[in-house]
N, C-alpha and C. Protein backbone atom coordinates (compact mmCIF):
# COMPACT_ATOMS: atom_id res chain seq x y z
N MET A 1 189.54 96.26 -190.09
CA MET A 1 190.13 97.40 -189.42
C MET A 1 190.54 96.96 -187.99
N LYS A 2 191.74 97.31 -187.63
CA LYS A 2 192.21 96.98 -186.28
C LYS A 2 192.16 98.19 -185.42
N LEU A 3 191.56 98.09 -184.27
CA LEU A 3 191.48 99.21 -183.35
C LEU A 3 192.77 99.34 -182.54
N ASN A 4 193.20 100.57 -182.24
CA ASN A 4 194.37 100.73 -181.48
C ASN A 4 194.13 100.38 -180.03
N ARG A 5 195.19 100.26 -179.25
CA ARG A 5 195.11 99.78 -177.86
C ARG A 5 194.26 100.68 -177.01
N SER A 6 194.35 101.99 -177.14
CA SER A 6 193.57 102.88 -176.29
C SER A 6 192.07 102.76 -176.58
N THR A 7 191.73 102.49 -177.81
CA THR A 7 190.28 102.32 -178.16
C THR A 7 189.76 101.07 -177.48
N ASP A 8 190.54 99.98 -177.57
CA ASP A 8 190.14 98.73 -176.95
C ASP A 8 189.99 98.93 -175.47
N MET A 9 190.95 99.61 -174.85
CA MET A 9 190.87 99.87 -173.41
C MET A 9 189.67 100.70 -173.08
N ALA A 10 189.38 101.73 -173.86
CA ALA A 10 188.23 102.58 -173.62
C ALA A 10 186.90 101.82 -173.60
N LEU A 11 186.79 100.89 -174.56
CA LEU A 11 185.57 100.12 -174.61
C LEU A 11 185.44 99.17 -173.43
N ARG A 12 186.53 98.60 -173.03
CA ARG A 12 186.52 97.69 -171.85
C ARG A 12 186.20 98.49 -170.55
N ILE A 13 186.83 99.62 -170.42
CA ILE A 13 186.60 100.47 -169.23
C ILE A 13 185.17 100.92 -169.19
N ALA A 14 184.61 101.36 -170.32
CA ALA A 14 183.23 101.80 -170.38
C ALA A 14 182.29 100.69 -170.00
N MET A 15 182.56 99.49 -170.49
CA MET A 15 181.68 98.33 -170.19
C MET A 15 181.72 97.98 -168.71
N LEU A 16 182.88 97.95 -168.13
CA LEU A 16 183.01 97.64 -166.71
C LEU A 16 182.33 98.69 -165.85
N ALA A 17 182.54 99.95 -166.18
CA ALA A 17 181.88 101.03 -165.47
C ALA A 17 180.38 100.97 -165.60
N ALA A 18 179.87 100.62 -166.79
CA ALA A 18 178.44 100.51 -166.98
C ALA A 18 177.86 99.36 -166.15
N ALA A 19 178.57 98.31 -166.03
CA ALA A 19 178.10 97.15 -165.26
C ALA A 19 178.12 97.34 -163.78
N SER A 20 178.96 98.24 -163.30
CA SER A 20 179.13 98.42 -161.84
C SER A 20 178.12 99.38 -161.29
N THR A 21 177.70 99.09 -160.08
CA THR A 21 176.73 99.93 -159.39
C THR A 21 177.42 100.90 -158.46
N ARG A 22 178.72 100.84 -158.37
CA ARG A 22 179.49 101.72 -157.52
C ARG A 22 180.63 102.41 -158.32
N ARG A 23 181.24 103.42 -157.69
CA ARG A 23 182.38 104.09 -158.32
C ARG A 23 183.61 103.12 -158.24
N LEU A 24 184.37 103.11 -159.26
CA LEU A 24 185.56 102.34 -159.33
C LEU A 24 186.76 103.28 -159.40
N THR A 25 187.83 102.88 -158.79
CA THR A 25 189.06 103.68 -158.87
C THR A 25 189.84 103.25 -160.12
N VAL A 26 190.81 104.12 -160.49
CA VAL A 26 191.66 103.78 -161.63
C VAL A 26 192.43 102.51 -161.33
N ASP A 27 192.89 102.38 -160.05
CA ASP A 27 193.58 101.17 -159.70
C ASP A 27 192.73 99.91 -159.83
N GLU A 28 191.45 100.01 -159.44
CA GLU A 28 190.58 98.87 -159.56
C GLU A 28 190.33 98.53 -161.05
N LEU A 29 190.11 99.55 -161.85
CA LEU A 29 189.94 99.31 -163.28
C LEU A 29 191.17 98.62 -163.89
N SER A 30 192.32 99.13 -163.49
CA SER A 30 193.60 98.59 -163.99
C SER A 30 193.74 97.12 -163.56
N ASP A 31 193.46 96.81 -162.32
CA ASP A 31 193.60 95.44 -161.80
C ASP A 31 192.59 94.52 -162.48
N GLN A 32 191.34 94.95 -162.47
CA GLN A 32 190.28 94.06 -162.97
C GLN A 32 190.42 93.80 -164.47
N LEU A 33 190.88 94.77 -165.23
CA LEU A 33 191.02 94.58 -166.66
C LEU A 33 192.44 94.17 -167.10
N ASP A 34 193.31 94.09 -166.10
CA ASP A 34 194.72 93.74 -166.35
C ASP A 34 195.32 94.69 -167.40
N LEU A 35 195.22 95.97 -167.12
CA LEU A 35 195.75 97.01 -168.03
C LEU A 35 196.71 97.92 -167.24
N PRO A 36 197.66 98.54 -167.93
CA PRO A 36 198.59 99.45 -167.23
C PRO A 36 197.89 100.66 -166.63
N ARG A 37 198.16 100.91 -165.38
CA ARG A 37 197.47 101.99 -164.64
C ARG A 37 197.54 103.34 -165.32
N ASN A 38 198.77 103.72 -165.79
CA ASN A 38 198.90 105.03 -166.41
C ASN A 38 198.10 105.17 -167.66
N HIS A 39 197.98 104.11 -168.44
CA HIS A 39 197.20 104.15 -169.68
C HIS A 39 195.70 104.25 -169.27
N VAL A 40 195.28 103.51 -168.28
CA VAL A 40 193.91 103.55 -167.78
C VAL A 40 193.53 104.99 -167.36
N ALA A 41 194.42 105.68 -166.64
CA ALA A 41 194.15 107.01 -166.20
C ALA A 41 193.96 107.96 -167.39
N LYS A 42 194.73 107.78 -168.40
CA LYS A 42 194.63 108.68 -169.61
C LYS A 42 193.33 108.36 -170.36
N VAL A 43 193.00 107.09 -170.46
CA VAL A 43 191.75 106.73 -171.15
C VAL A 43 190.52 107.19 -170.41
N VAL A 44 190.59 107.04 -169.09
CA VAL A 44 189.47 107.51 -168.23
C VAL A 44 189.24 109.00 -168.41
N GLN A 45 190.30 109.75 -168.51
CA GLN A 45 190.17 111.19 -168.70
C GLN A 45 189.52 111.50 -170.03
N ARG A 46 189.91 110.78 -171.09
CA ARG A 46 189.27 111.00 -172.39
C ARG A 46 187.83 110.59 -172.39
N LEU A 47 187.51 109.51 -171.73
CA LEU A 47 186.11 109.07 -171.64
C LEU A 47 185.26 110.03 -170.84
N HIS A 48 185.85 110.66 -169.84
CA HIS A 48 185.15 111.72 -169.07
C HIS A 48 184.81 112.88 -169.99
N HIS A 49 185.77 113.30 -170.83
CA HIS A 49 185.52 114.42 -171.72
C HIS A 49 184.46 114.08 -172.79
N LEU A 50 184.33 112.83 -173.14
CA LEU A 50 183.32 112.39 -174.10
C LEU A 50 181.91 112.23 -173.48
N GLY A 51 181.87 112.29 -172.14
CA GLY A 51 180.56 112.16 -171.47
C GLY A 51 180.20 110.71 -171.16
N VAL A 52 181.16 109.80 -171.28
CA VAL A 52 180.92 108.40 -170.99
C VAL A 52 181.00 108.12 -169.54
N LEU A 53 181.96 108.79 -168.89
CA LEU A 53 182.25 108.60 -167.45
C LEU A 53 182.13 109.88 -166.71
N VAL A 54 181.85 109.75 -165.40
CA VAL A 54 181.85 110.83 -164.46
C VAL A 54 182.95 110.50 -163.48
N THR A 55 183.80 111.50 -163.19
CA THR A 55 184.89 111.26 -162.25
C THR A 55 184.69 112.12 -161.03
N VAL A 56 185.04 111.57 -159.87
CA VAL A 56 184.91 112.28 -158.61
C VAL A 56 186.27 112.20 -157.94
N ARG A 57 186.84 113.36 -157.56
CA ARG A 57 188.13 113.42 -156.91
C ARG A 57 187.98 113.18 -155.40
N GLY A 58 189.08 112.88 -154.81
CA GLY A 58 189.11 112.77 -153.33
C GLY A 58 189.14 111.35 -152.84
N ARG A 59 189.12 111.31 -151.54
CA ARG A 59 189.25 110.01 -150.86
C ARG A 59 188.16 109.00 -151.22
N SER A 60 186.93 109.44 -151.35
CA SER A 60 185.85 108.55 -151.68
C SER A 60 185.46 108.70 -153.16
N GLY A 61 186.42 109.17 -153.95
CA GLY A 61 186.16 109.43 -155.36
C GLY A 61 186.26 108.14 -156.21
N GLY A 62 186.24 108.39 -157.49
CA GLY A 62 186.35 107.26 -158.38
C GLY A 62 185.72 107.59 -159.72
N VAL A 63 185.44 106.57 -160.44
CA VAL A 63 184.89 106.69 -161.80
C VAL A 63 183.58 105.95 -161.85
N ALA A 64 182.58 106.56 -162.44
CA ALA A 64 181.27 105.95 -162.63
C ALA A 64 180.78 106.21 -164.04
N PHE A 65 179.94 105.31 -164.49
CA PHE A 65 179.29 105.47 -165.80
C PHE A 65 178.37 106.70 -165.75
N ALA A 66 178.50 107.55 -166.72
CA ALA A 66 177.68 108.76 -166.78
C ALA A 66 176.19 108.41 -167.00
N GLU A 67 175.33 109.25 -166.51
CA GLU A 67 173.89 108.99 -166.62
C GLU A 67 173.45 108.77 -168.08
N GLY A 68 173.95 109.56 -169.00
CA GLY A 68 173.61 109.42 -170.42
C GLY A 68 174.60 108.59 -171.21
N GLY A 69 175.53 108.00 -170.51
CA GLY A 69 176.62 107.24 -171.19
C GLY A 69 176.09 106.02 -171.95
N GLY A 70 174.99 105.45 -171.47
CA GLY A 70 174.45 104.28 -172.12
C GLY A 70 173.93 104.52 -173.54
N ASP A 71 173.64 105.79 -173.84
CA ASP A 71 173.15 106.14 -175.18
C ASP A 71 174.28 106.45 -176.18
N ILE A 72 175.52 106.59 -175.72
CA ILE A 72 176.63 106.89 -176.55
C ILE A 72 176.92 105.60 -177.30
N THR A 73 177.24 105.67 -178.56
CA THR A 73 177.46 104.49 -179.37
C THR A 73 178.94 104.07 -179.39
N VAL A 74 179.12 102.81 -179.65
CA VAL A 74 180.48 102.29 -179.81
C VAL A 74 181.15 103.00 -180.97
N GLY A 75 180.42 103.29 -182.03
CA GLY A 75 180.99 104.02 -183.16
C GLY A 75 181.48 105.40 -182.75
N GLY A 76 180.75 106.06 -181.87
CA GLY A 76 181.19 107.38 -181.39
C GLY A 76 182.52 107.27 -180.63
N VAL A 77 182.62 106.28 -179.77
CA VAL A 77 183.85 106.09 -179.01
C VAL A 77 185.01 105.75 -179.95
N VAL A 78 184.74 104.85 -180.90
CA VAL A 78 185.80 104.48 -181.84
C VAL A 78 186.29 105.66 -182.62
N ARG A 79 185.37 106.47 -183.11
CA ARG A 79 185.75 107.69 -183.88
C ARG A 79 186.58 108.63 -182.99
N ALA A 80 186.16 108.81 -181.73
CA ALA A 80 186.86 109.70 -180.82
C ALA A 80 188.29 109.24 -180.55
N PHE A 81 188.52 107.96 -180.48
CA PHE A 81 189.83 107.44 -180.17
C PHE A 81 190.65 107.12 -181.42
N GLU A 82 190.05 106.79 -182.52
CA GLU A 82 190.79 106.47 -183.72
C GLU A 82 190.97 107.63 -184.65
N GLY A 83 190.08 108.63 -184.56
CA GLY A 83 190.16 109.76 -185.51
C GLY A 83 189.56 109.38 -186.85
N ASP A 84 189.76 110.25 -187.83
CA ASP A 84 189.20 110.07 -189.13
C ASP A 84 190.19 109.55 -190.19
N ALA A 85 191.29 109.07 -189.75
CA ALA A 85 192.32 108.59 -190.71
C ALA A 85 191.82 107.44 -191.49
N GLU A 86 192.27 107.37 -192.76
CA GLU A 86 191.87 106.23 -193.64
C GLU A 86 192.59 104.97 -193.23
N VAL A 87 192.10 103.83 -193.65
CA VAL A 87 192.68 102.56 -193.32
C VAL A 87 194.10 102.46 -193.87
N VAL A 88 194.36 102.96 -195.03
CA VAL A 88 195.74 103.00 -195.58
C VAL A 88 196.09 104.43 -195.96
N SER A 89 197.34 104.73 -195.90
CA SER A 89 197.82 106.08 -196.26
C SER A 89 198.37 106.02 -197.66
N CYS A 90 197.77 106.81 -198.52
CA CYS A 90 198.20 106.87 -199.91
C CYS A 90 199.23 108.02 -200.09
N ASP A 91 199.44 108.77 -199.05
CA ASP A 91 200.28 109.97 -199.20
C ASP A 91 201.69 109.80 -198.66
N ALA A 92 201.90 108.97 -197.70
CA ALA A 92 203.23 108.88 -197.03
C ALA A 92 203.62 107.42 -196.94
N PRO A 93 204.45 106.91 -197.80
CA PRO A 93 205.01 107.57 -198.96
C PRO A 93 203.98 107.61 -200.06
N ALA A 94 204.16 108.58 -200.90
CA ALA A 94 203.15 108.77 -202.03
C ALA A 94 203.07 107.54 -202.90
N CYS A 95 201.87 107.07 -203.10
CA CYS A 95 201.61 105.86 -203.93
C CYS A 95 201.58 106.25 -205.38
N PRO A 96 202.35 105.57 -206.25
CA PRO A 96 202.32 105.91 -207.66
C PRO A 96 201.00 105.57 -208.37
N LEU A 97 200.15 104.77 -207.70
CA LEU A 97 198.88 104.38 -208.33
C LEU A 97 197.74 105.32 -207.93
N ARG A 98 198.06 106.27 -207.09
CA ARG A 98 196.99 107.08 -206.51
C ARG A 98 196.07 107.74 -207.51
N ALA A 99 196.58 108.24 -208.58
CA ALA A 99 195.72 108.95 -209.58
C ALA A 99 194.67 108.07 -210.18
N ALA A 100 194.90 106.78 -210.34
CA ALA A 100 193.96 105.91 -210.98
C ALA A 100 193.45 104.78 -210.08
N CYS A 101 193.71 104.92 -208.80
CA CYS A 101 193.35 103.80 -207.87
C CYS A 101 191.90 103.81 -207.50
N ARG A 102 191.33 102.60 -207.54
CA ARG A 102 189.95 102.46 -207.11
C ARG A 102 189.85 101.82 -205.73
N LEU A 103 190.96 101.31 -205.21
CA LEU A 103 191.02 100.63 -203.97
C LEU A 103 190.72 101.61 -202.81
N ARG A 104 191.27 102.82 -202.88
CA ARG A 104 191.11 103.78 -201.79
C ARG A 104 189.65 104.04 -201.52
N ALA A 105 188.86 104.26 -202.52
CA ALA A 105 187.44 104.54 -202.35
C ALA A 105 186.71 103.32 -201.72
N ASP A 106 187.06 102.15 -202.16
CA ASP A 106 186.44 100.93 -201.63
C ASP A 106 186.82 100.70 -200.18
N LEU A 107 188.09 100.99 -199.82
CA LEU A 107 188.49 100.88 -198.43
C LEU A 107 187.75 101.89 -197.56
N ARG A 108 187.55 103.08 -198.04
CA ARG A 108 186.80 104.13 -197.34
C ARG A 108 185.36 103.68 -197.10
N ARG A 109 184.74 103.10 -198.12
CA ARG A 109 183.35 102.59 -198.02
C ARG A 109 183.30 101.47 -196.99
N ALA A 110 184.30 100.61 -196.98
CA ALA A 110 184.35 99.51 -196.00
C ALA A 110 184.50 100.06 -194.57
N GLN A 111 185.35 101.07 -194.40
CA GLN A 111 185.53 101.68 -193.08
C GLN A 111 184.25 102.34 -192.66
N ASP A 112 183.55 103.06 -193.55
CA ASP A 112 182.34 103.67 -193.23
C ASP A 112 181.25 102.66 -192.81
N ALA A 113 181.22 101.50 -193.49
CA ALA A 113 180.25 100.44 -193.17
C ALA A 113 180.56 99.87 -191.78
N PHE A 114 181.86 99.70 -191.49
CA PHE A 114 182.28 99.18 -190.17
C PHE A 114 181.77 100.13 -189.10
N LEU A 115 182.01 101.43 -189.25
CA LEU A 115 181.57 102.40 -188.26
C LEU A 115 180.05 102.51 -188.17
N ALA A 116 179.36 102.34 -189.33
CA ALA A 116 177.92 102.38 -189.32
C ALA A 116 177.32 101.24 -188.47
N VAL A 117 177.93 100.09 -188.53
CA VAL A 117 177.46 98.96 -187.71
C VAL A 117 177.63 99.32 -186.22
N LEU A 118 178.84 99.87 -185.87
CA LEU A 118 179.14 100.23 -184.51
C LEU A 118 178.25 101.38 -184.05
N ASP A 119 177.76 102.24 -184.92
CA ASP A 119 176.85 103.33 -184.56
C ASP A 119 175.53 102.75 -184.11
N GLY A 120 175.21 101.54 -184.45
CA GLY A 120 174.00 100.90 -184.04
C GLY A 120 174.09 100.19 -182.67
N VAL A 121 175.26 100.25 -182.04
CA VAL A 121 175.50 99.55 -180.81
C VAL A 121 175.76 100.62 -179.71
N SER A 122 174.84 100.66 -178.75
CA SER A 122 175.03 101.60 -177.63
C SER A 122 175.89 100.98 -176.55
N LEU A 123 176.61 101.79 -175.79
CA LEU A 123 177.44 101.30 -174.72
C LEU A 123 176.56 100.60 -173.68
N GLY A 124 175.41 101.10 -173.42
CA GLY A 124 174.48 100.51 -172.46
C GLY A 124 174.07 99.11 -172.85
N SER A 125 173.95 98.85 -174.13
CA SER A 125 173.52 97.50 -174.55
C SER A 125 174.63 96.46 -174.38
N LEU A 126 175.84 96.88 -174.21
CA LEU A 126 176.94 95.95 -174.06
C LEU A 126 176.95 95.21 -172.75
N VAL A 127 176.22 95.69 -171.77
CA VAL A 127 176.21 95.07 -170.48
C VAL A 127 174.87 94.41 -170.15
N ASP A 128 174.01 94.32 -171.11
CA ASP A 128 172.71 93.64 -170.93
C ASP A 128 172.95 92.15 -170.84
N GLY A 129 172.03 91.45 -170.26
CA GLY A 129 172.09 90.01 -170.17
C GLY A 129 173.23 89.48 -169.32
N PRO A 130 173.86 88.39 -169.77
CA PRO A 130 174.88 87.77 -168.94
C PRO A 130 176.24 88.56 -168.93
N ALA A 131 176.39 89.54 -169.80
CA ALA A 131 177.68 90.26 -169.90
C ALA A 131 177.96 91.03 -168.60
N GLY A 132 176.93 91.64 -168.00
CA GLY A 132 177.13 92.45 -166.75
C GLY A 132 177.75 91.67 -165.65
N PRO A 133 177.20 90.53 -165.25
CA PRO A 133 177.82 89.75 -164.17
C PRO A 133 179.22 89.23 -164.51
N VAL A 134 179.43 88.89 -165.79
CA VAL A 134 180.75 88.44 -166.16
C VAL A 134 181.76 89.56 -166.00
N LEU A 135 181.39 90.81 -166.42
CA LEU A 135 182.27 91.93 -166.26
C LEU A 135 182.60 92.23 -164.80
N LEU A 136 181.60 92.09 -163.95
CA LEU A 136 181.79 92.37 -162.51
C LEU A 136 182.64 91.31 -161.82
N ALA A 137 182.70 90.11 -162.43
CA ALA A 137 183.54 89.05 -161.83
C ALA A 137 185.00 89.14 -162.25
N LEU A 138 185.30 90.01 -163.21
CA LEU A 138 186.68 90.19 -163.64
C LEU A 138 187.62 90.57 -162.47
N GLY A 139 188.69 89.90 -162.41
CA GLY A 139 189.67 90.24 -161.39
C GLY A 139 189.33 89.74 -159.98
N ALA A 140 188.15 89.15 -159.87
CA ALA A 140 187.74 88.62 -158.54
C ALA A 140 188.58 87.40 -158.23
N GLU A 141 188.85 87.25 -156.95
CA GLU A 141 189.58 86.05 -156.51
C GLU A 141 188.72 84.83 -156.71
N PRO A 142 189.27 83.78 -157.29
CA PRO A 142 188.48 82.54 -157.40
C PRO A 142 188.20 81.98 -156.03
N PRO A 143 187.06 81.27 -155.85
CA PRO A 143 186.78 80.70 -154.52
C PRO A 143 187.91 79.80 -154.15
N SER A 144 188.30 79.86 -152.86
CA SER A 144 189.37 79.03 -152.39
C SER A 144 188.87 77.58 -152.25
N VAL A 145 189.73 76.67 -152.60
CA VAL A 145 189.38 75.25 -152.47
C VAL A 145 190.01 74.74 -151.20
N THR A 146 189.16 74.21 -150.31
CA THR A 146 189.66 73.69 -149.04
C THR A 146 189.51 72.17 -149.12
N VAL A 147 190.18 71.51 -148.21
CA VAL A 147 190.10 70.05 -148.16
C VAL A 147 188.67 69.61 -147.90
N ALA A 148 187.95 70.39 -147.01
CA ALA A 148 186.57 70.04 -146.68
C ALA A 148 185.66 70.15 -147.91
N SER A 149 185.88 71.19 -148.72
CA SER A 149 185.03 71.36 -149.90
C SER A 149 185.31 70.30 -150.95
N VAL A 150 186.57 69.83 -151.03
CA VAL A 150 186.91 68.79 -152.01
C VAL A 150 186.24 67.48 -151.52
N ARG A 151 186.30 67.18 -150.23
CA ARG A 151 185.69 65.97 -149.70
C ARG A 151 184.20 65.96 -149.87
N SER A 152 183.55 67.14 -149.68
CA SER A 152 182.08 67.18 -149.79
C SER A 152 181.71 66.97 -151.26
N ARG A 153 182.49 67.41 -152.21
CA ARG A 153 182.16 67.21 -153.63
C ARG A 153 182.34 65.75 -154.06
N SER A 154 183.24 65.05 -153.42
CA SER A 154 183.51 63.67 -153.79
C SER A 154 182.54 62.69 -153.17
N LEU A 155 181.75 63.16 -152.22
CA LEU A 155 180.76 62.22 -151.58
C LEU A 155 179.54 62.13 -152.33
C-alpha cells in the first residue's frame, strides 16, 4: 500500500514536533522537512483536529506536539489521512470479475493487516533513541569548514 503525500507529510511533521522541546512555526516545519509551506499549513491544521498537535496563534505562536499526542498511533493517523478506501476500486470502472473475485477480499485482509501493524506503533515511540536528535538536526546548517579547522585535522 502506498501512502499519499499528505499522510507522509503528516507523519514527518508529527515526528519533528514530538522531538522538539519548543514550538515550531509552519515556516520552520516547511524548511526543515523540505516541504511546500501551503501543504504543511493544511496538514498541521488536520493534525491539530486529530489531537496530535497544539497550535498557538500570534507573534510567539507556533505548533507543538500535544500532551497526549504520543499515545496516538501511526495507524490512526494513516486512517485519518487515507480514509477507508480499498486498495483497488472494483466499481469504477466496474470489473467484470467482481461477482466471482477472491482477490478483493484478500487485498482487504492485507490492508487490514498493514493497518493493524501501524496500530501497534505510537507517535511517541517514533522519536525514541537516536531518531529524536536526527529529527532535530534536519535543516540545520552544516558546520562551516574553515582553513584553520582543516589544518588542525591534518596535523
